[in-house]
N, C-alpha and C. Protein backbone atom coordinates (compact mmCIF):
# COMPACT_ATOMS: atom_id res chain seq x y z
N UNK A 1 0.84 -1.17 0.00
CA UNK A 1 0.00 0.00 0.00
C UNK A 1 0.89 1.24 0.00
N UNK A 2 0.55 2.18 -0.83
CA UNK A 2 1.39 3.37 -0.91
C UNK A 2 0.80 4.52 -0.08
N UNK A 3 1.66 5.47 0.16
CA UNK A 3 1.28 6.65 0.93
C UNK A 3 1.82 7.86 0.18
N UNK A 4 1.05 8.91 0.17
CA UNK A 4 1.44 10.13 -0.54
C UNK A 4 1.16 11.32 0.37
N UNK A 5 2.10 12.25 0.46
CA UNK A 5 1.92 13.44 1.30
C UNK A 5 1.69 14.65 0.41
N UNK A 6 0.67 15.43 0.77
CA UNK A 6 0.34 16.67 0.07
C UNK A 6 0.48 17.79 1.09
N UNK A 7 1.40 18.71 0.85
CA UNK A 7 1.67 19.80 1.79
C UNK A 7 0.91 21.04 1.34
N UNK A 8 -0.16 21.37 2.07
CA UNK A 8 -0.98 22.54 1.77
C UNK A 8 -0.85 23.60 2.86
N UNK A 9 0.20 23.50 3.65
CA UNK A 9 0.39 24.53 4.68
C UNK A 9 0.58 25.89 4.01
N UNK A 10 -0.05 26.90 4.61
CA UNK A 10 0.03 28.25 4.07
C UNK A 10 -0.99 28.55 2.99
N UNK A 11 -1.79 27.56 2.64
CA UNK A 11 -2.83 27.75 1.61
C UNK A 11 -4.19 27.80 2.30
N UNK A 12 -5.02 28.69 1.87
CA UNK A 12 -6.33 28.90 2.49
C UNK A 12 -7.44 28.25 1.67
N UNK A 13 -8.55 28.02 2.33
CA UNK A 13 -9.74 27.42 1.75
C UNK A 13 -10.10 28.15 0.46
N UNK A 14 -10.37 27.41 -0.58
CA UNK A 14 -10.56 25.96 -0.71
C UNK A 14 -9.33 25.21 -1.21
N UNK A 15 -8.18 25.85 -1.24
CA UNK A 15 -7.00 25.25 -1.87
C UNK A 15 -6.56 23.93 -1.27
N UNK A 16 -6.58 23.71 0.07
CA UNK A 16 -6.19 22.38 0.57
C UNK A 16 -7.07 21.26 0.02
N UNK A 17 -8.36 21.51 -0.14
CA UNK A 17 -9.26 20.48 -0.66
C UNK A 17 -9.02 20.28 -2.16
N UNK A 18 -8.71 21.34 -2.87
CA UNK A 18 -8.37 21.21 -4.28
C UNK A 18 -7.10 20.37 -4.43
N UNK A 19 -6.12 20.62 -3.55
CA UNK A 19 -4.88 19.83 -3.57
C UNK A 19 -5.16 18.36 -3.27
N UNK A 20 -6.02 18.10 -2.29
CA UNK A 20 -6.39 16.73 -1.94
C UNK A 20 -7.08 16.04 -3.11
N UNK A 21 -8.02 16.73 -3.73
CA UNK A 21 -8.75 16.15 -4.86
C UNK A 21 -7.82 15.85 -6.03
N UNK A 22 -6.87 16.72 -6.29
CA UNK A 22 -5.93 16.49 -7.39
C UNK A 22 -5.07 15.26 -7.11
N UNK A 23 -4.63 15.10 -5.87
CA UNK A 23 -3.83 13.93 -5.51
C UNK A 23 -4.66 12.66 -5.59
N UNK A 24 -5.91 12.73 -5.18
CA UNK A 24 -6.78 11.55 -5.19
C UNK A 24 -7.10 11.10 -6.61
N UNK A 25 -7.17 12.03 -7.52
CA UNK A 25 -7.52 11.71 -8.92
C UNK A 25 -6.54 10.71 -9.53
N UNK A 26 -5.26 10.81 -9.16
CA UNK A 26 -4.24 9.94 -9.73
C UNK A 26 -3.83 8.79 -8.81
N UNK A 27 -4.46 8.68 -7.65
CA UNK A 27 -4.04 7.69 -6.66
C UNK A 27 -4.68 6.33 -6.92
N UNK A 28 -3.89 5.29 -6.70
CA UNK A 28 -4.39 3.92 -6.84
C UNK A 28 -5.27 3.55 -5.64
N UNK A 29 -6.09 2.53 -5.83
CA UNK A 29 -6.92 2.03 -4.74
C UNK A 29 -6.06 1.74 -3.52
N UNK A 30 -6.52 2.13 -2.35
CA UNK A 30 -5.82 1.83 -1.12
C UNK A 30 -4.74 2.82 -0.74
N UNK A 31 -4.42 3.76 -1.62
CA UNK A 31 -3.42 4.77 -1.31
C UNK A 31 -3.89 5.62 -0.15
N UNK A 32 -2.98 5.91 0.76
CA UNK A 32 -3.28 6.83 1.86
C UNK A 32 -2.69 8.18 1.49
N UNK A 33 -3.52 9.19 1.49
CA UNK A 33 -3.05 10.54 1.24
C UNK A 33 -2.99 11.26 2.58
N UNK A 34 -1.83 11.79 2.88
CA UNK A 34 -1.63 12.59 4.09
C UNK A 34 -1.67 14.04 3.65
N UNK A 35 -2.67 14.78 4.09
CA UNK A 35 -2.80 16.20 3.77
C UNK A 35 -2.30 17.00 4.96
N UNK A 36 -1.29 17.83 4.74
CA UNK A 36 -0.79 18.72 5.77
C UNK A 36 -1.42 20.09 5.53
N UNK A 37 -2.13 20.59 6.53
CA UNK A 37 -2.83 21.87 6.35
C UNK A 37 -2.86 22.65 7.66
N UNK A 38 -2.79 23.97 7.54
CA UNK A 38 -2.91 24.83 8.72
C UNK A 38 -4.10 25.77 8.61
N UNK A 39 -4.92 25.59 7.60
CA UNK A 39 -6.15 26.37 7.47
C UNK A 39 -7.18 25.79 8.43
N UNK A 40 -7.75 26.61 9.31
CA UNK A 40 -8.73 26.09 10.28
C UNK A 40 -9.94 25.41 9.64
N UNK A 41 -10.31 25.81 8.44
CA UNK A 41 -11.47 25.23 7.77
C UNK A 41 -11.20 23.80 7.28
N UNK A 42 -9.94 23.41 7.18
CA UNK A 42 -9.60 22.09 6.64
C UNK A 42 -10.21 20.96 7.46
N UNK A 43 -10.30 21.12 8.75
CA UNK A 43 -10.84 20.04 9.61
C UNK A 43 -12.22 19.61 9.14
N UNK A 44 -13.11 20.54 8.94
CA UNK A 44 -14.46 20.21 8.48
C UNK A 44 -14.47 19.87 7.00
N UNK A 45 -13.66 20.56 6.22
CA UNK A 45 -13.66 20.37 4.78
C UNK A 45 -13.18 18.99 4.36
N UNK A 46 -12.14 18.47 5.00
CA UNK A 46 -11.61 17.16 4.63
C UNK A 46 -12.65 16.08 4.91
N UNK A 47 -13.26 16.12 6.08
CA UNK A 47 -14.28 15.12 6.43
C UNK A 47 -15.47 15.21 5.46
N UNK A 48 -15.90 16.42 5.12
CA UNK A 48 -17.03 16.59 4.20
C UNK A 48 -16.66 16.10 2.79
N UNK A 49 -15.45 16.39 2.34
CA UNK A 49 -15.01 15.93 1.02
C UNK A 49 -15.03 14.40 0.95
N UNK A 50 -14.56 13.76 2.00
CA UNK A 50 -14.54 12.30 2.04
C UNK A 50 -15.95 11.73 1.97
N UNK A 51 -16.88 12.31 2.71
CA UNK A 51 -18.28 11.85 2.66
C UNK A 51 -18.85 12.02 1.25
N UNK A 52 -18.61 13.17 0.65
CA UNK A 52 -19.16 13.46 -0.68
C UNK A 52 -18.54 12.59 -1.77
N UNK A 53 -17.28 12.22 -1.62
CA UNK A 53 -16.56 11.48 -2.64
C UNK A 53 -16.46 9.98 -2.36
N UNK A 54 -17.01 9.53 -1.25
CA UNK A 54 -16.97 8.11 -0.92
C UNK A 54 -15.60 7.60 -0.54
N UNK A 55 -14.77 8.47 0.02
CA UNK A 55 -13.43 8.09 0.46
C UNK A 55 -13.43 7.85 1.97
N UNK A 56 -12.42 7.18 2.47
CA UNK A 56 -12.34 6.85 3.89
C UNK A 56 -11.50 7.88 4.63
N UNK A 57 -12.12 8.59 5.54
CA UNK A 57 -11.42 9.56 6.38
C UNK A 57 -10.89 8.80 7.59
N UNK A 58 -9.58 8.75 7.74
CA UNK A 58 -8.97 7.96 8.81
C UNK A 58 -8.54 8.80 10.00
N UNK A 59 -8.88 10.07 10.01
CA UNK A 59 -8.60 10.91 11.17
C UNK A 59 -7.54 11.95 10.94
N UNK A 60 -7.21 12.63 12.04
CA UNK A 60 -6.24 13.71 11.97
C UNK A 60 -5.42 13.74 13.25
N UNK A 61 -4.30 14.42 13.17
CA UNK A 61 -3.43 14.59 14.34
C UNK A 61 -2.61 15.85 14.14
N UNK A 62 -2.32 16.55 15.24
CA UNK A 62 -1.47 17.75 15.12
C UNK A 62 -0.09 17.35 14.62
N UNK A 63 0.49 18.20 13.80
CA UNK A 63 1.86 17.97 13.36
C UNK A 63 2.82 18.27 14.50
N UNK A 64 3.83 17.46 14.64
CA UNK A 64 4.82 17.68 15.70
C UNK A 64 5.47 19.04 15.53
N UNK A 65 5.60 19.76 16.63
CA UNK A 65 6.27 21.04 16.62
C UNK A 65 5.46 22.19 16.06
N UNK A 66 4.19 21.97 15.78
CA UNK A 66 3.36 23.03 15.23
C UNK A 66 2.12 23.20 16.09
N UNK A 67 1.79 24.42 16.37
CA UNK A 67 0.59 24.67 17.17
C UNK A 67 -0.65 24.82 16.29
N UNK A 68 -0.47 24.89 14.97
CA UNK A 68 -1.62 25.10 14.08
C UNK A 68 -1.77 24.04 13.00
N UNK A 69 -0.71 23.47 12.53
CA UNK A 69 -0.80 22.55 11.39
C UNK A 69 -1.27 21.17 11.83
N UNK A 70 -2.02 20.53 10.97
CA UNK A 70 -2.60 19.23 11.25
C UNK A 70 -2.34 18.30 10.08
N UNK A 71 -2.22 17.02 10.39
CA UNK A 71 -2.06 15.98 9.38
C UNK A 71 -3.38 15.22 9.28
N UNK A 72 -3.97 15.18 8.09
CA UNK A 72 -5.23 14.48 7.85
C UNK A 72 -4.94 13.23 7.02
N UNK A 73 -5.52 12.09 7.41
CA UNK A 73 -5.31 10.83 6.67
C UNK A 73 -6.57 10.46 5.91
N UNK A 74 -6.42 10.28 4.60
CA UNK A 74 -7.53 9.88 3.74
C UNK A 74 -7.09 8.66 2.95
N UNK A 75 -7.86 7.57 3.02
CA UNK A 75 -7.56 6.37 2.24
C UNK A 75 -8.46 6.38 1.00
N UNK A 76 -7.84 6.26 -0.16
CA UNK A 76 -8.56 6.30 -1.42
C UNK A 76 -9.17 4.93 -1.72
N UNK A 77 -10.46 4.96 -2.02
CA UNK A 77 -11.17 3.74 -2.39
C UNK A 77 -11.45 3.77 -3.88
N UNK A 78 -11.23 2.67 -4.54
CA UNK A 78 -11.44 2.57 -5.98
C UNK A 78 -12.92 2.59 -6.32
N UNK A 79 -13.22 2.78 -7.58
CA UNK A 79 -14.63 2.85 -8.03
C UNK A 79 -15.40 1.60 -7.66
N UNK A 80 -14.77 0.46 -7.69
CA UNK A 80 -15.48 -0.78 -7.38
C UNK A 80 -15.83 -0.89 -5.91
N UNK A 81 -15.20 -0.09 -5.07
CA UNK A 81 -15.44 -0.14 -3.62
C UNK A 81 -16.41 0.93 -3.15
N UNK A 82 -16.80 1.85 -4.01
CA UNK A 82 -17.67 2.96 -3.59
C UNK A 82 -19.12 2.58 -3.63
């Protein structure tokens, strides 16, 4: 299983979600995309995007050494799994 990191720190809504969607478009089934974001809206936006797109939201955690940035985990599900 592969993992891909998308760094959207310093980018404001809706850009982190656009970055996530672009990465998901080319990702194979089962790929975990780690989205790094410091936009406060990302917390709600990532979960909503996953619900709307049928992807698996695996949670979030603060980035080490940062008081604002968060790491969001999204597992990409293939069309046959949606």
